Amino acid sequence: MKRFIYTGPTSGVTLLVNGKEQEIILHAGKEVTLPDTHEYVKTLTALGYLQEIPTPATPEVTSKPETTSKSEKGGK
């Protein structure tokens, strides 16, 4: 599932996702979460009605070794 901004005319669609029907209402300028591998979603993307919202990259957490400066050692 990916997040998109929909820019087409207001409409509704029922998608079959993982064997279950999912009803989606599409409003111009609104965010919608859709299965990006679904053929209908691919069609809307090709028509320019869906623009994917990039997911923010999670910052990589790295631990840095602690260092002590000369001034912290009591030097003048």
N, C-alpha and C. Protein backbone atom coordinates (compact mmCIF):
# COMPACT_ATOMS: atom_id res chain seq x y z
N MET A 1 0.85 -1.17 0.00
CA MET A 1 0.00 0.00 0.00
C MET A 1 0.90 1.24 0.00
N LYS A 2 0.50 2.19 -0.82
CA LYS A 2 1.24 3.45 -0.89
C LYS A 2 0.27 4.61 -0.80
N ARG A 3 0.81 5.75 -0.40
CA ARG A 3 0.00 6.96 -0.30
C ARG A 3 0.13 7.78 -1.58
N PHE A 4 -1.01 8.30 -2.04
CA PHE A 4 -1.07 9.09 -3.26
C PHE A 4 -1.89 10.35 -3.02
N ILE A 5 -1.68 11.35 -3.88
CA ILE A 5 -2.59 12.49 -3.98
C ILE A 5 -3.37 12.26 -5.27
N TYR A 6 -4.69 12.31 -5.17
CA TYR A 6 -5.57 12.10 -6.33
C TYR A 6 -5.93 13.45 -6.92
N THR A 7 -5.82 13.58 -8.24
CA THR A 7 -6.10 14.86 -8.91
C THR A 7 -7.18 14.75 -9.99
N GLY A 8 -7.85 13.62 -10.08
CA GLY A 8 -8.89 13.44 -11.08
C GLY A 8 -10.25 13.89 -10.57
N PRO A 9 -11.29 13.59 -11.34
CA PRO A 9 -12.65 13.95 -10.91
C PRO A 9 -13.08 13.07 -9.73
N THR A 10 -13.96 13.60 -8.88
CA THR A 10 -14.47 12.84 -7.74
C THR A 10 -15.16 11.58 -8.26
N SER A 11 -14.79 10.45 -7.68
CA SER A 11 -15.38 9.18 -8.10
C SER A 11 -15.22 8.15 -6.99
N GLY A 12 -15.87 7.03 -7.16
CA GLY A 12 -15.76 5.93 -6.22
C GLY A 12 -15.44 4.66 -6.98
N VAL A 13 -14.76 3.75 -6.32
CA VAL A 13 -14.38 2.50 -6.95
C VAL A 13 -14.33 1.41 -5.87
N THR A 14 -14.65 0.20 -6.26
CA THR A 14 -14.50 -0.96 -5.38
C THR A 14 -13.37 -1.81 -5.93
N LEU A 15 -12.32 -1.97 -5.13
CA LEU A 15 -11.16 -2.76 -5.54
C LEU A 15 -11.14 -4.08 -4.79
N LEU A 16 -10.74 -5.12 -5.46
CA LEU A 16 -10.55 -6.42 -4.82
C LEU A 16 -9.10 -6.49 -4.39
N VAL A 17 -8.88 -6.45 -3.07
CA VAL A 17 -7.53 -6.43 -2.52
C VAL A 17 -7.40 -7.60 -1.55
N ASN A 18 -6.47 -8.50 -1.84
CA ASN A 18 -6.25 -9.69 -1.00
C ASN A 18 -7.53 -10.47 -0.76
N GLY A 19 -8.35 -10.59 -1.81
CA GLY A 19 -9.58 -11.37 -1.72
C GLY A 19 -10.74 -10.66 -1.05
N LYS A 20 -10.54 -9.39 -0.67
CA LYS A 20 -11.61 -8.63 -0.01
C LYS A 20 -11.91 -7.38 -0.81
N GLU A 21 -13.19 -7.03 -0.87
CA GLU A 21 -13.58 -5.81 -1.55
C GLU A 21 -13.28 -4.61 -0.67
N GLN A 22 -12.71 -3.58 -1.30
CA GLN A 22 -12.37 -2.36 -0.58
C GLN A 22 -12.97 -1.19 -1.36
N GLU A 23 -13.89 -0.47 -0.73
CA GLU A 23 -14.52 0.68 -1.38
C GLU A 23 -13.68 1.93 -1.12
N ILE A 24 -13.39 2.64 -2.20
CA ILE A 24 -12.55 3.83 -2.13
C ILE A 24 -13.31 4.99 -2.76
N ILE A 25 -13.35 6.12 -2.07
CA ILE A 25 -13.90 7.35 -2.64
C ILE A 25 -12.72 8.26 -2.95
N LEU A 26 -12.64 8.72 -4.18
CA LEU A 26 -11.53 9.56 -4.63
C LEU A 26 -12.00 11.00 -4.79
N HIS A 27 -11.35 11.91 -4.07
CA HIS A 27 -11.67 13.32 -4.14
C HIS A 27 -10.44 14.07 -4.63
N ALA A 28 -10.64 15.00 -5.55
CA ALA A 28 -9.53 15.78 -6.11
C ALA A 28 -8.77 16.51 -5.00
N GLY A 29 -7.45 16.38 -5.04
CA GLY A 29 -6.59 17.06 -4.10
C GLY A 29 -6.43 16.39 -2.75
N LYS A 30 -7.05 15.22 -2.58
CA LYS A 30 -6.99 14.52 -1.29
C LYS A 30 -6.03 13.35 -1.33
N GLU A 31 -5.51 13.00 -0.15
CA GLU A 31 -4.62 11.85 -0.01
C GLU A 31 -5.44 10.57 0.06
N VAL A 32 -4.92 9.52 -0.55
CA VAL A 32 -5.57 8.22 -0.52
C VAL A 32 -4.49 7.14 -0.46
N THR A 33 -4.75 6.07 0.29
CA THR A 33 -3.83 4.95 0.37
C THR A 33 -4.38 3.81 -0.47
N LEU A 34 -3.58 3.37 -1.44
CA LEU A 34 -4.03 2.35 -2.39
C LEU A 34 -2.94 1.31 -2.61
N PRO A 35 -3.33 0.11 -3.05
CA PRO A 35 -2.33 -0.91 -3.40
C PRO A 35 -1.69 -0.55 -4.75
N ASP A 36 -0.43 -0.20 -4.73
CA ASP A 36 0.23 0.29 -5.95
C ASP A 36 0.38 -0.77 -7.03
N THR A 37 0.17 -2.05 -6.69
CA THR A 37 0.30 -3.11 -7.69
C THR A 37 -1.03 -3.43 -8.39
N HIS A 38 -2.12 -2.83 -7.92
CA HIS A 38 -3.44 -3.09 -8.51
C HIS A 38 -3.52 -2.45 -9.90
N GLU A 39 -4.12 -3.14 -10.85
CA GLU A 39 -4.20 -2.65 -12.23
C GLU A 39 -4.93 -1.30 -12.34
N TYR A 40 -5.98 -1.13 -11.57
CA TYR A 40 -6.73 0.13 -11.62
C TYR A 40 -5.87 1.30 -11.13
N VAL A 41 -5.09 1.05 -10.08
CA VAL A 41 -4.20 2.07 -9.54
C VAL A 41 -3.12 2.41 -10.56
N LYS A 42 -2.61 1.39 -11.25
CA LYS A 42 -1.62 1.62 -12.31
C LYS A 42 -2.21 2.47 -13.43
N THR A 43 -3.49 2.22 -13.75
CA THR A 43 -4.17 3.00 -14.80
C THR A 43 -4.32 4.45 -14.38
N LEU A 44 -4.77 4.69 -13.14
CA LEU A 44 -4.92 6.06 -12.66
C LEU A 44 -3.58 6.79 -12.62
N THR A 45 -2.52 6.06 -12.28
CA THR A 45 -1.19 6.65 -12.27
C THR A 45 -0.76 7.01 -13.69
N ALA A 46 -1.00 6.11 -14.64
CA ALA A 46 -0.64 6.37 -16.04
C ALA A 46 -1.42 7.56 -16.62
N LEU A 47 -2.65 7.74 -16.17
CA LEU A 47 -3.48 8.86 -16.62
C LEU A 47 -3.06 10.18 -15.96
N GLY A 48 -2.20 10.09 -14.96
CA GLY A 48 -1.74 11.28 -14.26
C GLY A 48 -2.66 11.72 -13.13
N TYR A 49 -3.61 10.86 -12.74
CA TYR A 49 -4.54 11.20 -11.67
C TYR A 49 -3.99 10.91 -10.27
N LEU A 50 -2.95 10.09 -10.19
CA LEU A 50 -2.35 9.76 -8.90
C LEU A 50 -0.87 10.14 -8.91
N GLN A 51 -0.46 10.87 -7.88
CA GLN A 51 0.95 11.18 -7.68
C GLN A 51 1.36 10.60 -6.34
N GLU A 52 2.36 9.73 -6.38
CA GLU A 52 2.79 9.07 -5.15
C GLU A 52 3.40 10.08 -4.18
N ILE A 53 3.05 9.92 -2.92
CA ILE A 53 3.65 10.72 -1.85
C ILE A 53 4.85 9.93 -1.35
N PRO A 54 6.04 10.48 -1.51
CA PRO A 54 7.22 9.72 -1.06
C PRO A 54 7.21 9.52 0.46
N THR A 55 7.58 8.34 0.88
CA THR A 55 7.67 8.08 2.31
C THR A 55 9.00 8.63 2.79
N PRO A 56 8.96 9.37 3.89
CA PRO A 56 10.21 9.95 4.39
C PRO A 56 11.18 8.86 4.81
N ALA A 57 12.43 9.07 4.48
CA ALA A 57 13.45 8.10 4.86
C ALA A 57 13.64 8.17 6.37
N THR A 58 13.75 7.02 6.99
CA THR A 58 13.99 7.00 8.43
C THR A 58 15.47 7.27 8.66
N PRO A 59 15.77 8.21 9.55
CA PRO A 59 17.18 8.52 9.78
C PRO A 59 17.91 7.33 10.39
N GLU A 60 19.10 7.13 9.92
CA GLU A 60 19.91 6.02 10.40
C GLU A 60 20.49 6.41 11.75
N VAL A 61 20.29 5.57 12.75
CA VAL A 61 20.80 5.87 14.08
C VAL A 61 22.15 5.21 14.23
N THR A 62 23.14 6.03 14.47
CA THR A 62 24.49 5.49 14.69
C THR A 62 25.01 6.04 16.00
N SER A 63 25.68 5.22 16.72
CA SER A 63 26.26 5.70 17.97
C SER A 63 27.71 6.08 17.71
N LYS A 64 28.06 7.28 18.18
CA LYS A 64 29.41 7.77 18.01
C LYS A 64 30.17 7.57 19.32
N PRO A 65 31.43 7.20 19.22
CA PRO A 65 32.20 7.05 20.46
C PRO A 65 32.36 8.41 21.12
N GLU A 66 32.28 8.42 22.44
CA GLU A 66 32.44 9.67 23.16
C GLU A 66 33.90 10.08 23.14
N THR A 67 34.14 11.37 22.91
CA THR A 67 35.50 11.89 22.92
C THR A 67 35.59 12.96 24.00
N THR A 68 36.75 13.11 24.54
CA THR A 68 36.97 14.11 25.57
C THR A 68 37.99 15.11 25.04
N SER A 69 37.64 16.38 25.08
CA SER A 69 38.56 17.41 24.60
C SER A 69 39.56 17.74 25.69
N LYS A 70 40.65 18.42 25.31
CA LYS A 70 41.70 18.79 26.27
C LYS A 70 41.14 19.67 27.38
N SER A 71 40.20 20.56 27.02
CA SER A 71 39.68 21.46 28.04
C SER A 71 38.86 20.71 29.08
N GLU A 72 38.29 19.58 28.72
CA GLU A 72 37.50 18.81 29.66
C GLU A 72 38.40 17.99 30.59
N LYS A 73 39.67 17.82 30.21
CA LYS A 73 40.58 17.05 31.06
C LYS A 73 41.21 17.91 32.14
N GLY A 74 40.85 19.18 32.18
CA GLY A 74 41.39 20.04 33.22
C GLY A 74 42.59 20.84 32.76
N GLY A 75 42.92 20.78 31.49
CA GLY A 75 44.04 21.55 30.96
C GLY A 75 43.67 23.01 30.78
N LYS A 76 44.67 23.92 30.92
CA LYS A 76 44.42 25.36 30.77
C LYS A 76 45.11 25.89 29.55
